[in-house]
C-alpha atoms as a PDB file:
ATOM      1  CA  MET A   1       1.090  19.483 -49.813  1.00  0.00           C
ATOM      2  CA  ALA A   2       0.525  21.664 -46.808  1.00  0.00           C
ATOM      3  CA  ARG A   3       3.364  21.902 -44.381  1.00  0.00           C
ATOM      4  CA  LYS A   4       2.884  22.398 -40.702  1.00  0.00           C
ATOM      5  CA  LYS A   5       4.608  25.322 -39.156  1.00  0.00           C
ATOM      6  CA  VAL A   6       7.240  24.127 -36.781  1.00  0.00           C
ATOM      7  CA  ARG A   7       8.226  26.589 -34.166  1.00  0.00           C
ATOM      8  CA  LYS A   8      11.827  27.090 -33.345  1.00  0.00           C
ATOM      9  CA  GLY A   9      13.074  24.808 -30.565  1.00  0.00           C
ATOM     10  CA  ALA A  10      10.255  22.277 -31.001  1.00  0.00           C
ATOM     11  CA  SER A  11      12.657  19.352 -31.109  1.00  0.00           C
ATOM     12  CA  LYS A  12      14.039  20.346 -27.703  1.00  0.00           C
ATOM     13  CA  SER A  13      10.577  20.393 -26.148  1.00  0.00           C
ATOM     14  CA  VAL A  14       9.759  17.010 -27.686  1.00  0.00           C
ATOM     15  CA  ALA A  15      12.956  15.555 -26.231  1.00  0.00           C
ATOM     16  CA  ARG A  16      12.197  17.158 -22.866  1.00  0.00           C
ATOM     17  CA  ASN A  17       8.675  15.668 -22.854  1.00  0.00           C
ATOM     18  CA  ALA A  18      10.015  12.233 -23.769  1.00  0.00           C
ATOM     19  CA  LYS A  19      12.520  12.438 -20.923  1.00  0.00           C
ATOM     20  CA  ALA A  20       9.807  13.515 -18.462  1.00  0.00           C
ATOM     21  CA  ASN A  21       7.585  10.627 -19.587  1.00  0.00           C
ATOM     22  CA  ALA A  22      10.454   8.178 -19.102  1.00  0.00           C
ATOM     23  CA  VAL A  23      11.038   9.490 -15.571  1.00  0.00           C
ATOM     24  CA  ARG A  24       7.324   9.193 -14.767  1.00  0.00           C
ATOM     25  CA  THR A  25       7.216   5.651 -16.120  1.00  0.00           C
ATOM     26  CA  SER A  26      10.205   4.548 -14.065  1.00  0.00           C
ATOM     27  CA  ALA A  27       8.744   6.167 -10.941  1.00  0.00           C
ATOM     28  CA  LYS A  28       5.430   4.487 -11.660  1.00  0.00           C
ATOM     29  CA  GLY A  29       7.171   1.132 -11.983  1.00  0.00           C
ATOM     30  CA  LYS A  30       8.884   1.607  -8.626  1.00  0.00           C
ATOM     31  CA  SER A  31       5.692   2.583  -6.869  1.00  0.00           C
ATOM     32  CA  PHE A  32       3.896  -0.366  -8.487  1.00  0.00           C
ATOM     33  CA  GLY A  33       6.562  -2.730  -7.181  1.00  0.00           C
ATOM     34  CA  LEU A  34       6.373  -1.112  -3.748  1.00  0.00           C
ATOM     35  CA  ALA A  35       2.589  -1.512  -3.792  1.00  0.00           C
ATOM     36  CA  ILE A  36       2.945  -5.215  -4.574  1.00  0.00           C
ATOM     37  CA  VAL A  37       5.448  -5.670  -1.736  1.00  0.00           C
ATOM     38  CA  ALA A  38       3.122  -3.778   0.626  1.00  0.00           C
ATOM     39  CA  LEU A  39       0.163  -5.941  -0.387  1.00  0.00           C
ATOM     40  CA  ILE A  40       2.134  -9.158   0.123  1.00  0.00           C
ATOM     41  CA  LEU A  41       3.418  -8.002   3.526  1.00  0.00           C
ATOM     42  CA  ASN A  42      -0.075  -6.955   4.625  1.00  0.00           C
ATOM     43  CA  VAL A  43      -1.792 -10.145   3.502  1.00  0.00           C
ATOM     44  CA  LEU A  44       0.745 -12.891   4.144  1.00  0.00           C
ATOM     45  CA  PHE A  45       2.791 -11.621   7.066  1.00  0.00           C
ATOM     46  CA  ILE A  46       1.662  -8.835   9.399  1.00  0.00           C
ATOM     47  CA  PRO A  47      -1.207  -6.447   8.642  1.00  0.00           C
ATOM     48  CA  GLY A  48       0.162  -2.917   8.868  1.00  0.00           C
ATOM     49  CA  LEU A  49       3.765  -3.831   8.078  1.00  0.00           C
ATOM     50  CA  GLY A  50       3.277  -3.369   4.340  1.00  0.00           C
ATOM     51  CA  THR A  51       1.426  -0.133   4.946  1.00  0.00           C
ATOM     52  CA  LEU A  52       4.374   1.148   6.971  1.00  0.00           C
ATOM     53  CA  VAL A  53       6.796   0.090   4.221  1.00  0.00           C
ATOM     54  CA  ALA A  54       4.673   1.954   1.660  1.00  0.00           C
ATOM     55  CA  GLY A  55       4.988   5.167   3.672  1.00  0.00           C
ATOM     56  CA  LYS A  56       1.542   5.406   5.273  1.00  0.00           C
ATOM     57  CA  SER A  57       2.839   5.426   8.823  1.00  0.00           C
ATOM     58  CA  LYS A  58      -0.292   6.523  10.670  1.00  0.00           C
ATOM     59  CA  THR A  59      -2.537   3.949   8.985  1.00  0.00           C
ATOM     60  CA  GLY A  60       0.069   1.212   9.343  1.00  0.00           C
ATOM     61  CA  ALA A  61       0.543   1.960  13.031  1.00  0.00           C
ATOM     62  CA  TRP A  62      -3.200   1.751  13.669  1.00  0.00           C
ATOM     63  CA  GLN A  63      -3.400  -1.538  11.798  1.00  0.00           C
ATOM     64  CA  LEU A  64      -0.579  -2.950  13.916  1.00  0.00           C
ATOM     65  CA  VAL A  65      -2.187  -1.687  17.133  1.00  0.00           C
ATOM     66  CA  LEU A  66      -5.488  -3.290  16.163  1.00  0.00           C
ATOM     67  CA  LEU A  67      -3.750  -6.587  15.404  1.00  0.00           C
ATOM     68  CA  VAL A  68      -1.855  -6.540  18.712  1.00  0.00           C
ATOM     69  CA  ILE A  69      -5.066  -5.829  20.650  1.00  0.00           C
ATOM     70  CA  GLY A  70      -6.759  -8.749  18.901  1.00  0.00           C
ATOM     71  CA  ILE A  71      -3.838 -11.070  19.650  1.00  0.00           C
ATOM     72  CA  ILE A  72      -3.776  -9.979  23.309  1.00  0.00           C
ATOM     73  CA  PHE A  73      -7.505 -10.679  23.659  1.00  0.00           C
ATOM     74  CA  VAL A  74      -7.123 -14.105  22.070  1.00  0.00           C
ATOM     75  CA  SER A  75      -4.135 -14.901  24.313  1.00  0.00           C
ATOM     76  CA  VAL A  76      -5.955 -13.800  27.446  1.00  0.00           C
ATOM     77  CA  ALA A  77      -8.951 -15.888  26.452  1.00  0.00           C
ATOM     78  CA  TYR A  78      -6.714 -18.913  25.879  1.00  0.00           C
ATOM     79  CA  VAL A  79      -4.877 -18.608  29.185  1.00  0.00           C
ATOM     80  CA  TYR A  80      -7.792 -17.673  31.428  1.00  0.00           C
ATOM     81  CA  GLU A  81     -10.523 -19.484  29.479  1.00  0.00           C
ATOM     82  CA  THR A  82     -12.720 -16.427  29.120  1.00  0.00           C
ATOM     83  CA  THR A  83     -15.062 -15.276  26.379  1.00  0.00           C
ATOM     84  CA  VAL A  84     -12.750 -12.425  25.356  1.00  0.00           C
ATOM     85  CA  PHE A  85     -11.757 -14.766  22.522  1.00  0.00           C
ATOM     86  CA  TYR A  86     -14.979 -13.823  20.741  1.00  0.00           C
ATOM     87  CA  LEU A  87     -13.861 -10.206  20.744  1.00  0.00           C
ATOM     88  CA  GLY A  88     -10.191 -10.799  19.894  1.00  0.00           C
ATOM     89  CA  VAL A  89     -10.720 -12.866  16.751  1.00  0.00           C
ATOM     90  CA  PRO A  90     -12.961 -10.299  14.996  1.00  0.00           C
ATOM     91  CA  ILE A  91     -10.527  -7.515  15.917  1.00  0.00           C
ATOM     92  CA  ALA A  92      -7.583  -9.454  14.433  1.00  0.00           C
ATOM     93  CA  ILE A  93      -9.613 -10.302  11.321  1.00  0.00           C
ATOM     94  CA  ALA A  94     -10.616  -6.640  10.977  1.00  0.00           C
ATOM     95  CA  ALA A  95      -6.936  -5.631  11.094  1.00  0.00           C
ATOM     96  CA  TRP A  96      -6.141  -8.193   8.395  1.00  0.00           C
ATOM     97  CA  ILE A  97      -9.022  -7.001   6.157  1.00  0.00           C
ATOM     98  CA  TRP A  98      -8.001  -3.370   6.676  1.00  0.00           C
ATOM     99  CA  GLY A  99      -4.431  -4.234   5.653  1.00  0.00           C
ATOM    100  CA  LEU A 100      -5.764  -6.069   2.592  1.00  0.00           C
ATOM    101  CA  VAL A 101      -7.901  -3.102   1.542  1.00  0.00           C
ATOM    102  CA  THR A 102      -5.004  -0.697   2.086  1.00  0.00           C
ATOM    103  CA  GLY A 103      -2.691  -2.888  -0.005  1.00  0.00           C
ATOM    104  CA  ILE A 104      -5.230  -3.065  -2.828  1.00  0.00           C
ATOM    105  CA  SER A 105      -5.763   0.708  -2.764  1.00  0.00           C
ATOM    106  CA  LEU A 106      -1.987   1.230  -2.932  1.00  0.00           C
ATOM    107  CA  LEU A 107      -1.873  -1.117  -5.892  1.00  0.00           C
ATOM    108  CA  GLN A 108      -4.682   0.733  -7.665  1.00  0.00           C
ATOM    109  CA  GLY A 109      -3.042   4.087  -6.979  1.00  0.00           C
ATOM    110  CA  ALA A 110       0.213   2.860  -8.524  1.00  0.00           C
ATOM    111  CA  GLU A 111      -1.369   1.867 -11.841  1.00  0.00           C
END
């Protein structure tokens, strides 16, 4: 039977690799959970909020700004009975879709 040569200190490197893999797995699990929370916040509550929670502050801020602009246009159209409503609804929907896409990309990046 042929025996493999085992270099000195191999068991230490194996243990070190196992420990590094365990750390990566736990970090991956945390980021996966964070991605799920971000997706839920973006889809069900406020687009951009989940993106901010996930740490993408610039993207999240733009999503929130877009949503606020859409809501302002819809409110103005409701109060003053103007056609700005037709601009506000697509802007708000675009913010929601952008938040959805960002949440899904965070989820895919965490896998």
